[in-house]
Amino acid sequence: MTENPHPPTGASYAAAGVDIDAGERAVELFAPHARRATRPEVMGGLGGFAGLFSLKNTYRQPLLASSTDGVGTKIAVAQAMDVHNTVGIDLVAMVVDDLVVCGAEPLFLQDYIAIGRVVPEHVADIVEGIAEGCVRAGCALLGGETAEHPGLMAPGEYDISATGVGIVEADEILQAENVRPGDVIVGMASSGLHSNGYSLARHVLLDLARLPLEGHVEEFGRTLGEELLEPTRIYALDCLSLIAETDVRVFSHVTGGGLAENLARVMPRGLVARLDRGRWPVPAVFGTIAHHGRVEQAEMERTFNMGVGMVAVLPEEDVDRAQAVLTARHVENWVIGRVEKAGEDADAPRVVLEGSHARF
């Protein structure tokens, strides 16, 4: 019997599409970024099976707040442009700015990266953005997971998500019942699209208008791709500063559903928030989408933030102080409306948008 000169090779994880060595190399590359995003309460270092965070005995009635989110189809733009170090900032923003709405200080965040094939440099870029976002939010990157999914995702594809944990005193929670008639609504400027509505934005700008991502757009002063990848503004520390300096009633993070639907979530029954569209400018990107897609105003306002990414509801006597705090923190802001008593109709909208935008 003649011996087979090419004996069959046994199956391996690498042959199945999972490269453990690449994963370890990715950890080596992103470790310096992850170490930037820390707090004194973090115990231990990278590489443990679980992240450890010490809750020092400095709270009276501490409540933990938790939020989970992702970035959505904005990732498709990052992949098309081969730019991966900004979507991590978006990820942190979507999580921590939900936490701070109830008054919680973000403590730590853990990320999850699902990827078709581990390219160490790409993973390191993603974590670089996540770490930068955590630094901007004042929270720690306590750990995470990178999962290689060959056969489920294409080699160049990935998706990211994260869960964040914050803390707030039980008697200092910000909630709808704090809002009073006569309260003033202050809007904080967004940095653009943030991380919502990208399915519509991509359909209009890339599919219908066929605008190239690398093409310069005069209204933006940069390329379309650069505009679409502008990171979501992180408001967490700005909001915590307002809590420390004013008697803020509540915040509203403007994400999917737009300004009206998100503000309605913190308006109690019997009250209505009346907003004047003419009080704030709308960034050019929204007008460009509306023009090229012939998108109606109602659809724009339900899909996008339209230039206001976070809202604070405050008593009138605190408005000047609040605006001074935000201005000192380089956050453009405007008084955009007031809270009034609602009519007798229990089903009436809790937020009413009036007037028109000056440049939209």
Protein backbone atom coordinates (compact mmCIF):
# COMPACT_ATOMS: atom_id res chain seq x y z
CA MET A 1 0.00 0.00 0.00
CA THR A 2 1.44 3.34 -1.04
CA GLU A 3 1.56 6.04 1.66
CA ASN A 4 -0.36 9.23 0.85
CA PRO A 5 2.29 11.96 0.23
CA HIS A 6 -0.26 14.63 1.22
CA PRO A 7 -1.98 13.46 4.39
CA PRO A 8 -5.13 15.42 5.27
CA THR A 9 -4.63 18.32 7.63
CA GLY A 10 -6.84 18.47 10.71
CA ALA A 11 -9.40 21.25 11.05
CA SER A 12 -8.44 24.31 13.05
CA TYR A 13 -10.06 27.45 14.43
CA ALA A 14 -7.93 29.57 12.10
CA ALA A 15 -9.02 27.53 9.08
CA ALA A 16 -12.64 28.10 10.16
CA GLY A 17 -12.02 31.83 10.02
CA VAL A 18 -11.17 32.83 13.58
CA ASP A 19 -7.65 34.18 14.07
CA ILE A 20 -6.75 34.12 17.77
CA ASP A 21 -3.32 35.60 17.06
CA ALA A 22 -4.94 38.59 15.32
CA GLY A 23 -7.20 39.07 18.32
CA GLU A 24 -4.24 39.11 20.67
CA ARG A 25 -2.46 41.59 18.40
CA ALA A 26 -5.55 43.82 18.45
CA VAL A 27 -5.46 43.83 22.27
CA GLU A 28 -1.80 44.89 22.19
CA LEU A 29 -2.65 47.77 19.86
CA PHE A 30 -5.69 49.11 21.69
CA ALA A 31 -4.39 48.63 25.25
CA PRO A 32 -2.74 52.11 25.42
CA HIS A 33 -6.03 53.73 24.34
CA ALA A 34 -8.06 51.74 26.86
CA ARG A 35 -5.73 52.74 29.69
CA ARG A 36 -6.52 56.42 29.02
CA ALA A 37 -10.18 55.88 29.90
CA THR A 38 -10.06 55.20 33.61
CA ARG A 39 -11.15 56.51 37.00
CA PRO A 40 -9.69 56.12 40.50
CA GLU A 41 -12.40 53.59 41.37
CA VAL A 42 -11.21 51.08 38.74
CA MET A 43 -9.58 48.05 40.36
CA GLY A 44 -7.08 45.84 38.56
CA GLY A 45 -6.00 46.21 34.95
CA LEU A 46 -6.69 44.92 31.47
CA GLY A 47 -7.06 41.23 30.78
CA GLY A 48 -9.28 40.10 33.65
CA PHE A 49 -12.44 38.07 33.16
CA ALA A 50 -14.50 40.86 34.70
CA GLY A 51 -13.96 44.56 35.28
CA LEU A 52 -13.89 45.70 38.90
CA PHE A 53 -15.16 49.09 40.04
CA SER A 54 -15.19 50.20 43.68
CA LEU A 55 -18.24 52.12 44.92
CA LYS A 56 -16.74 54.17 47.71
CA ASN A 57 -18.94 54.83 50.69
CA THR A 58 -19.71 58.42 49.72
CA TYR A 59 -23.39 58.03 48.77
CA ARG A 60 -26.47 58.20 51.00
CA GLN A 61 -29.04 56.34 48.85
CA PRO A 62 -27.21 55.41 45.66
CA LEU A 63 -29.12 54.09 42.67
CA LEU A 64 -27.36 52.52 39.71
CA ALA A 65 -28.56 53.52 36.25
CA SER A 66 -27.84 51.45 33.15
CA SER A 67 -28.12 52.10 29.42
CA THR A 68 -27.32 50.05 26.31
CA ASP A 69 -27.06 51.33 22.74
CA GLY A 70 -25.24 51.10 19.43
CA VAL A 71 -24.37 53.39 16.54
CA GLY A 72 -26.63 52.06 13.79
CA THR A 73 -25.96 52.41 10.08
CA LYS A 74 -23.50 55.26 10.56
CA ILE A 75 -21.04 52.37 10.72
CA ALA A 76 -21.67 51.75 7.00
CA VAL A 77 -20.19 55.19 6.27
CA ALA A 78 -17.14 54.46 8.44
CA GLN A 79 -16.59 51.18 6.61
CA ALA A 80 -17.02 52.79 3.19
CA MET A 81 -14.46 55.47 4.06
CA ASP A 82 -12.14 53.10 5.94
CA VAL A 83 -12.20 55.48 8.92
CA HIS A 84 -12.81 53.64 12.17
CA ASN A 85 -11.61 55.92 15.00
CA THR A 86 -14.72 58.12 15.32
CA VAL A 87 -17.69 55.75 15.64
CA GLY A 88 -16.50 54.77 19.10
CA ILE A 89 -17.12 58.34 20.23
CA ASP A 90 -20.64 58.06 18.84
CA LEU A 91 -21.13 54.83 20.77
CA VAL A 92 -20.17 56.38 24.10
CA ALA A 93 -22.34 59.43 23.43
CA MET A 94 -25.44 57.36 22.78
CA VAL A 95 -25.00 55.53 26.08
CA VAL A 96 -23.80 58.17 28.55
CA ASP A 97 -26.14 60.91 27.35
CA ASP A 98 -29.08 58.63 28.09
CA LEU A 99 -27.69 58.00 31.58
CA VAL A 100 -27.32 61.66 32.46
CA VAL A 101 -30.95 62.44 31.57
CA CYS A 102 -32.02 61.07 34.96
CA GLY A 103 -29.16 62.88 36.69
CA ALA A 104 -26.81 59.90 36.82
CA GLU A 105 -23.05 60.39 36.64
CA PRO A 106 -21.59 57.87 34.16
CA LEU A 107 -19.16 55.59 35.97
CA PHE A 108 -18.04 53.00 33.46
CA LEU A 109 -18.78 51.47 30.09
CA GLN A 110 -18.20 48.06 28.51
CA ASP A 111 -18.15 47.61 24.75
CA TYR A 112 -18.93 44.74 22.39
CA ILE A 113 -17.41 44.54 18.90
CA ALA A 114 -18.74 41.93 16.47
CA ILE A 115 -16.53 41.69 13.40
CA GLY A 116 -16.33 39.46 10.34
CA ARG A 117 -12.55 39.18 10.47
CA VAL A 118 -10.26 40.72 13.05
CA VAL A 119 -8.00 43.31 11.50
CA PRO A 120 -5.98 44.40 14.54
CA GLU A 121 -5.50 47.96 13.28
CA HIS A 122 -9.25 48.41 12.70
CA VAL A 123 -10.14 47.08 16.14
CA ALA A 124 -7.52 49.35 17.70
CA ASP A 125 -9.01 52.34 15.86
CA ILE A 126 -12.50 51.49 17.10
CA VAL A 127 -11.31 51.19 20.70
CA GLU A 128 -9.35 54.42 20.33
CA GLY A 129 -12.64 56.18 19.63
CA ILE A 130 -14.43 54.45 22.48
CA ALA A 131 -11.64 55.43 24.88
CA GLU A 132 -11.73 59.03 23.67
CA GLY A 133 -15.48 59.10 24.21
CA CYS A 134 -15.07 57.79 27.74
CA VAL A 135 -12.49 60.48 28.48
CA ARG A 136 -14.90 63.14 27.22
CA ALA A 137 -17.67 61.69 29.38
CA GLY A 138 -15.52 61.29 32.49
CA CYS A 139 -16.19 57.56 32.75
CA ALA A 140 -13.98 54.48 32.65
CA LEU A 141 -13.74 51.89 29.90
CA LEU A 142 -13.98 48.91 32.22
CA GLY A 143 -13.71 46.14 29.67
CA GLY A 144 -15.26 44.69 26.57
CA GLU A 145 -15.42 41.87 24.08
CA THR A 146 -14.32 41.42 20.48
CA ALA A 147 -16.07 38.54 18.72
CA GLU A 148 -14.99 37.29 15.30
CA HIS A 149 -17.95 36.05 13.24
CA PRO A 150 -16.72 34.43 10.02
CA GLY A 151 -19.54 33.24 7.79
CA LEU A 152 -22.02 35.48 9.59
CA MET A 153 -20.43 38.81 8.69
CA ALA A 154 -18.27 39.73 5.70
CA PRO A 155 -14.55 40.24 6.46
CA GLY A 156 -14.82 44.04 6.34
CA GLU A 157 -18.03 44.29 8.36
CA TYR A 158 -18.44 45.02 12.05
CA ASP A 159 -21.01 46.30 14.51
CA ILE A 160 -20.52 47.81 17.94
CA SER A 161 -22.61 48.23 21.06
CA ALA A 162 -22.00 49.14 24.68
CA THR A 163 -23.57 49.17 28.10
CA GLY A 164 -22.86 51.95 30.55
CA VAL A 165 -23.52 52.24 34.27
CA GLY A 166 -24.03 55.45 36.21
CA ILE A 167 -25.00 56.47 39.73
CA VAL A 168 -27.43 58.97 41.23
CA GLU A 169 -28.78 59.66 44.69
CA ALA A 170 -32.35 58.40 45.06
CA ASP A 171 -33.65 61.80 46.16
CA GLU A 172 -31.85 63.63 43.32
CA ILE A 173 -33.29 61.76 40.34
CA LEU A 174 -34.40 64.02 37.52
CA GLN A 175 -37.85 63.02 36.31
CA ALA A 176 -40.98 64.38 34.63
CA GLU A 177 -42.79 65.11 37.88
CA ASN A 178 -40.23 67.87 38.60
CA VAL A 179 -41.42 69.99 35.64
CA ARG A 180 -43.60 73.03 36.41
CA PRO A 181 -45.63 75.51 34.35
CA GLY A 182 -43.45 78.49 33.47
CA ASP A 183 -40.28 76.46 33.21
CA VAL A 184 -37.95 77.41 30.37
CA ILE A 185 -36.55 75.03 27.78
CA VAL A 186 -32.91 75.46 26.77
CA GLY A 187 -31.62 73.63 23.70
CA MET A 188 -27.97 72.59 23.31
CA ALA A 189 -26.47 72.52 19.82
CA SER A 190 -25.87 69.20 18.14
CA SER A 191 -22.71 68.53 16.14
CA GLY A 192 -24.78 67.47 13.14
CA LEU A 193 -26.63 64.23 12.48
CA HIS A 194 -25.21 62.56 15.58
CA SER A 195 -26.06 58.85 15.22
CA ASN A 196 -29.70 58.83 14.16
CA GLY A 197 -31.46 58.76 10.82
CA TYR A 198 -28.52 57.42 8.83
CA SER A 199 -30.66 54.96 6.88
CA LEU A 200 -32.62 57.91 5.48
CA ALA A 201 -29.55 60.15 5.12
CA ARG A 202 -27.61 57.48 3.22
CA HIS A 203 -30.59 56.66 1.00
CA VAL A 204 -31.06 60.30 0.04
CA LEU A 205 -27.47 61.46 -0.30
CA LEU A 206 -25.78 58.32 -1.62
CA ASP A 207 -28.55 56.44 -3.46
CA LEU A 208 -30.85 59.18 -4.76
CA ALA A 209 -28.50 62.16 -5.12
CA ARG A 210 -25.47 59.91 -5.83
CA LEU A 211 -23.13 62.29 -4.02
CA PRO A 212 -19.62 60.85 -3.54
CA LEU A 213 -18.41 60.51 0.04
CA GLU A 214 -15.05 62.00 -0.98
CA GLY A 215 -16.65 64.95 -2.77
CA HIS A 216 -16.32 68.45 -1.27
CA VAL A 217 -19.63 70.07 -0.34
CA GLU A 218 -19.50 73.86 -0.21
CA GLU A 219 -22.29 74.15 2.38
CA PHE A 220 -20.36 71.89 4.74
CA GLY A 221 -16.90 73.28 4.09
CA ARG A 222 -15.59 69.71 3.87
CA THR A 223 -16.32 66.41 2.16
CA LEU A 224 -19.64 64.66 2.49
CA GLY A 225 -17.95 61.73 4.23
CA GLU A 226 -16.33 64.00 6.81
CA GLU A 227 -19.70 65.61 7.52
CA LEU A 228 -21.43 62.27 7.93
CA LEU A 229 -18.71 60.96 10.25
CA GLU A 230 -18.72 64.02 12.54
CA PRO A 231 -18.85 62.45 16.02
CA THR A 232 -21.90 62.79 18.22
CA ARG A 233 -21.47 65.49 20.83
CA ILE A 234 -21.14 64.12 24.37
CA TYR A 235 -23.14 66.25 26.83
CA ALA A 236 -22.65 64.22 30.01
CA LEU A 237 -20.21 66.55 31.79
CA ASP A 238 -22.08 69.63 30.55
CA CYS A 239 -25.31 68.30 32.03
CA LEU A 240 -23.61 67.37 35.31
CA SER A 241 -22.28 70.93 35.49
CA LEU A 242 -25.82 72.24 35.08
CA ILE A 243 -27.02 69.96 37.86
CA ALA A 244 -24.30 71.32 40.15
CA GLU A 245 -25.00 74.98 39.31
CA THR A 246 -28.77 75.16 38.79
CA ASP A 247 -32.05 73.60 39.83
CA VAL A 248 -32.48 71.83 36.50
CA ARG A 249 -35.76 69.92 36.37
CA VAL A 250 -34.96 67.33 33.72
CA PHE A 251 -33.03 66.69 30.52
CA SER A 252 -34.07 65.13 27.22
CA HIS A 253 -31.56 63.44 24.92
CA VAL A 254 -32.69 64.05 21.33
CA THR A 255 -32.20 60.81 19.40
CA GLY A 256 -34.50 58.72 17.20
CA GLY A 257 -37.95 60.30 17.13
CA GLY A 258 -36.57 63.81 17.09
CA LEU A 259 -37.03 66.74 19.42
CA ALA A 260 -40.79 66.51 19.96
CA GLU A 261 -41.02 62.79 20.71
CA ASN A 262 -38.04 62.73 23.07
CA LEU A 263 -39.05 65.85 24.98
CA ALA A 264 -42.58 64.44 25.34
CA ARG A 265 -41.08 61.55 27.32
CA VAL A 266 -40.23 63.96 30.17
CA MET A 267 -43.37 66.13 30.01
CA PRO A 268 -45.90 65.19 32.70
CA ARG A 269 -49.62 64.90 32.01
CA GLY A 270 -51.32 68.28 32.14
CA LEU A 271 -48.37 70.25 30.77
CA VAL A 272 -47.24 71.10 27.24
CA ALA A 273 -43.85 72.27 25.96
CA ARG A 274 -44.21 74.97 23.31
CA LEU A 275 -41.13 75.31 21.12
CA ASP A 276 -40.33 78.03 18.59
CA ARG A 277 -38.47 76.72 15.55
CA GLY A 278 -37.10 80.20 14.85
CA ARG A 279 -35.02 80.20 18.04
CA TRP A 280 -32.16 78.04 16.76
CA PRO A 281 -30.26 77.57 13.47
CA VAL A 282 -30.49 74.29 11.58
CA PRO A 283 -27.13 72.90 10.35
CA ALA A 284 -26.74 72.72 6.58
CA VAL A 285 -26.71 68.93 6.44
CA PHE A 286 -30.40 68.77 7.31
CA GLY A 287 -31.37 71.19 4.56
CA THR A 288 -29.26 69.20 2.09
CA ILE A 289 -31.07 65.98 2.97
CA ALA A 290 -34.49 67.64 2.79
CA HIS A 291 -33.68 69.22 -0.59
CA HIS A 292 -32.22 66.18 -2.33
CA GLY A 293 -34.83 63.78 -0.95
CA ARG A 294 -37.81 66.14 -1.01
CA VAL A 295 -38.30 65.06 2.58
CA GLU A 296 -41.24 66.75 4.27
CA GLN A 297 -40.62 68.81 7.39
CA ALA A 298 -42.63 66.46 9.62
CA GLU A 299 -40.53 63.51 8.46
CA MET A 300 -37.29 65.44 9.02
CA GLU A 301 -38.36 66.39 12.54
CA ARG A 302 -39.32 62.81 13.45
CA THR A 303 -36.05 61.39 12.12
CA PHE A 304 -33.32 63.91 12.96
CA ASN A 305 -32.33 66.20 15.84
CA MET A 306 -32.49 69.27 13.54
CA GLY A 307 -29.65 70.96 15.39
CA VAL A 308 -30.66 70.37 19.03
CA GLY A 309 -29.03 67.33 20.62
CA MET A 310 -29.89 67.81 24.29
CA VAL A 311 -32.57 69.80 26.09
CA ALA A 312 -32.63 71.13 29.64
CA VAL A 313 -35.83 72.20 31.39
CA LEU A 314 -35.17 74.79 34.10
CA PRO A 315 -36.98 77.30 36.31
CA GLU A 316 -36.92 80.75 34.73
CA GLU A 317 -34.68 82.22 37.43
CA ASP A 318 -31.93 79.72 36.60
CA VAL A 319 -31.84 80.25 32.85
CA ASP A 320 -29.17 82.97 32.77
CA ARG A 321 -26.89 80.92 35.00
CA ALA A 322 -27.47 77.78 32.93
CA GLN A 323 -26.66 79.55 29.68
CA ALA A 324 -23.51 81.04 31.22
CA VAL A 325 -22.37 77.58 32.35
CA LEU A 326 -22.97 76.08 28.91
CA THR A 327 -21.29 78.97 27.11
CA ALA A 328 -18.24 78.65 29.37
CA ARG A 329 -18.12 74.98 28.39
CA HIS A 330 -18.26 75.94 24.69
CA VAL A 331 -21.73 74.52 24.14
CA GLU A 332 -23.84 76.74 21.90
CA ASN A 333 -27.33 77.03 23.36
CA TRP A 334 -30.63 78.85 23.01
CA VAL A 335 -33.90 79.38 24.86
CA ILE A 336 -36.21 77.47 22.55
CA GLY A 337 -39.49 77.31 24.44
CA ARG A 338 -41.56 77.25 27.60
CA VAL A 339 -43.71 74.87 29.58
CA GLU A 340 -47.41 75.74 29.89
CA LYS A 341 -50.54 74.19 31.32
CA ALA A 342 -52.25 71.99 28.76
CA GLY A 343 -55.88 72.22 27.73
CA GLU A 344 -58.67 69.86 28.70
CA ASP A 345 -57.88 67.32 25.95
CA ALA A 346 -56.00 64.47 27.65
CA ASP A 347 -54.78 63.19 24.28
CA ALA A 348 -53.31 66.51 23.13
CA PRO A 349 -49.58 66.53 22.22
CA ARG A 350 -47.23 67.21 25.10
CA VAL A 351 -44.82 69.04 22.79
CA VAL A 352 -45.87 71.58 20.15
CA LEU A 353 -43.45 72.96 17.54
CA GLU A 354 -44.44 76.37 16.22
CA GLY A 355 -43.04 78.88 13.70
CA SER A 356 -40.44 78.09 11.08
CA HIS A 357 -36.69 77.70 10.91
CA ALA A 358 -34.91 80.74 9.58
CA ARG A 359 -32.71 78.90 7.06
CA PHE A 360 -34.44 75.59 6.56
